[in-house]
Amino acid sequence: MVDPDLFLAIGIILGVLTIPSLLSAWTDGRVPRFGAIMVLVAVIMVAVAAKNKPTGYKISDVPTIMLNVVSRYVN
């Protein structure tokens, strides 16, 4: 079974980590291949999370979800 909260958290983290890769490639004049793949994976993970959560997500719920996921898997 897919844990939609975990997929959402990983997708958001990947999306944030993609920003430096994209900026580095663009400033060096390179094609951001790795950054584009990471963005694609992040979007797919967030989409899978949204599809598997029957009630959906609100933007205001994201910080709580992130904290719950971290507290669940860090212990």
C-alpha atoms as a PDB file:
ATOM      1  CA  MET A   1       0.000   0.000   0.000  1.00  0.00           C
ATOM      2  CA  VAL A   2       1.199   3.479  -0.855  1.00  0.00           C
ATOM      3  CA  ASP A   3       1.593   5.993   1.961  1.00  0.00           C
ATOM      4  CA  PRO A   4       0.397   9.203   0.285  1.00  0.00           C
ATOM      5  CA  ASP A   5       1.819  11.439   3.001  1.00  0.00           C
ATOM      6  CA  LEU A   6       5.282   9.919   2.542  1.00  0.00           C
ATOM      7  CA  PHE A   7       5.077  10.328  -1.235  1.00  0.00           C
ATOM      8  CA  LEU A   8       4.003  13.958  -0.803  1.00  0.00           C
ATOM      9  CA  ALA A   9       6.861  14.696   1.592  1.00  0.00           C
ATOM     10  CA  ILE A  10       9.500  13.056  -0.620  1.00  0.00           C
ATOM     11  CA  GLY A  11       8.099  14.783  -3.708  1.00  0.00           C
ATOM     12  CA  ILE A  12       8.271  18.197  -2.029  1.00  0.00           C
ATOM     13  CA  ILE A  13      11.799  17.586  -0.759  1.00  0.00           C
ATOM     14  CA  LEU A  14      12.941  16.465  -4.226  1.00  0.00           C
ATOM     15  CA  GLY A  15      11.314  19.521  -5.752  1.00  0.00           C
ATOM     16  CA  VAL A  16      13.166  21.834  -3.394  1.00  0.00           C
ATOM     17  CA  LEU A  17      16.470  20.036  -3.948  1.00  0.00           C
ATOM     18  CA  THR A  18      16.016  20.426  -7.702  1.00  0.00           C
ATOM     19  CA  ILE A  19      16.289  24.230  -7.599  1.00  0.00           C
ATOM     20  CA  PRO A  20      20.095  24.419  -7.115  1.00  0.00           C
ATOM     21  CA  SER A  21      20.680  21.863  -9.861  1.00  0.00           C
ATOM     22  CA  LEU A  22      18.519  23.797 -12.327  1.00  0.00           C
ATOM     23  CA  LEU A  23      20.084  27.135 -11.450  1.00  0.00           C
ATOM     24  CA  SER A  24      23.604  25.748 -11.722  1.00  0.00           C
ATOM     25  CA  ALA A  25      22.953  24.268 -15.162  1.00  0.00           C
ATOM     26  CA  TRP A  26      21.313  27.428 -16.486  1.00  0.00           C
ATOM     27  CA  THR A  27      24.056  29.741 -15.224  1.00  0.00           C
ATOM     28  CA  ASP A  28      26.739  27.498 -16.768  1.00  0.00           C
ATOM     29  CA  GLY A  29      24.865  27.383 -20.070  1.00  0.00           C
ATOM     30  CA  ARG A  30      24.265  23.636 -19.861  1.00  0.00           C
ATOM     31  CA  VAL A  31      21.059  21.716 -20.456  1.00  0.00           C
ATOM     32  CA  PRO A  32      19.524  20.872 -17.041  1.00  0.00           C
ATOM     33  CA  ARG A  33      18.979  17.169 -17.724  1.00  0.00           C
ATOM     34  CA  PHE A  34      19.402  15.893 -14.175  1.00  0.00           C
ATOM     35  CA  GLY A  35      17.323  18.741 -12.766  1.00  0.00           C
ATOM     36  CA  ALA A  36      14.566  18.079 -15.288  1.00  0.00           C
ATOM     37  CA  ILE A  37      14.464  14.393 -14.365  1.00  0.00           C
ATOM     38  CA  MET A  38      14.288  15.288 -10.671  1.00  0.00           C
ATOM     39  CA  VAL A  39      11.419  17.716 -11.339  1.00  0.00           C
ATOM     40  CA  LEU A  40       9.591  14.998 -13.258  1.00  0.00           C
ATOM     41  CA  VAL A  41      10.033  12.481 -10.428  1.00  0.00           C
ATOM     42  CA  ALA A  42       8.920  15.063  -7.843  1.00  0.00           C
ATOM     43  CA  VAL A  43       5.774  15.928  -9.830  1.00  0.00           C
ATOM     44  CA  ILE A  44       4.930  12.255 -10.297  1.00  0.00           C
ATOM     45  CA  MET A  45       5.351  11.566  -6.568  1.00  0.00           C
ATOM     46  CA  VAL A  46       3.106  14.488  -5.608  1.00  0.00           C
ATOM     47  CA  ALA A  47       0.527  13.391  -8.204  1.00  0.00           C
ATOM     48  CA  VAL A  48       0.532   9.803  -6.873  1.00  0.00           C
ATOM     49  CA  ALA A  49       0.088  11.154  -3.352  1.00  0.00           C
ATOM     50  CA  ALA A  50      -2.825  13.356  -4.398  1.00  0.00           C
ATOM     51  CA  LYS A  51      -4.461  10.500  -6.302  1.00  0.00           C
ATOM     52  CA  ASN A  52      -4.180   8.059  -3.386  1.00  0.00           C
ATOM     53  CA  LYS A  53      -5.493  10.491  -0.753  1.00  0.00           C
ATOM     54  CA  PRO A  54      -9.309  10.377  -0.974  1.00  0.00           C
ATOM     55  CA  THR A  55      -9.846  13.727   0.742  1.00  0.00           C
ATOM     56  CA  GLY A  56      -7.015  15.490  -1.084  1.00  0.00           C
ATOM     57  CA  TYR A  57      -4.534  17.984   0.327  1.00  0.00           C
ATOM     58  CA  LYS A  58      -4.719  21.628   1.274  1.00  0.00           C
ATOM     59  CA  ILE A  59      -1.683  23.894   1.174  1.00  0.00           C
ATOM     60  CA  SER A  60      -2.217  24.688   4.851  1.00  0.00           C
ATOM     61  CA  ASP A  61      -1.921  20.967   5.714  1.00  0.00           C
ATOM     62  CA  VAL A  62       1.537  20.529   4.158  1.00  0.00           C
ATOM     63  CA  PRO A  63       3.647  21.646   7.174  1.00  0.00           C
ATOM     64  CA  THR A  64       1.730  19.306   9.476  1.00  0.00           C
ATOM     65  CA  ILE A  65       2.072  16.427   7.027  1.00  0.00           C
ATOM     66  CA  MET A  66       5.824  17.027   6.701  1.00  0.00           C
ATOM     67  CA  LEU A  67       6.274  17.023  10.476  1.00  0.00           C
ATOM     68  CA  ASN A  68       4.153  13.882  10.876  1.00  0.00           C
ATOM     69  CA  VAL A  69       6.170  12.027   8.229  1.00  0.00           C
ATOM     70  CA  VAL A  70       9.493  13.076   9.751  1.00  0.00           C
ATOM     71  CA  SER A  71       8.388  12.101  13.253  1.00  0.00           C
ATOM     72  CA  ARG A  72       7.069   8.768  12.001  1.00  0.00           C
ATOM     73  CA  TYR A  73      10.227   7.686  10.169  1.00  0.00           C
ATOM     74  CA  VAL A  74      13.043   9.322  12.153  1.00  0.00           C
ATOM     75  CA  ASN A  75      12.410   7.471  15.404  1.00  0.00           C
END
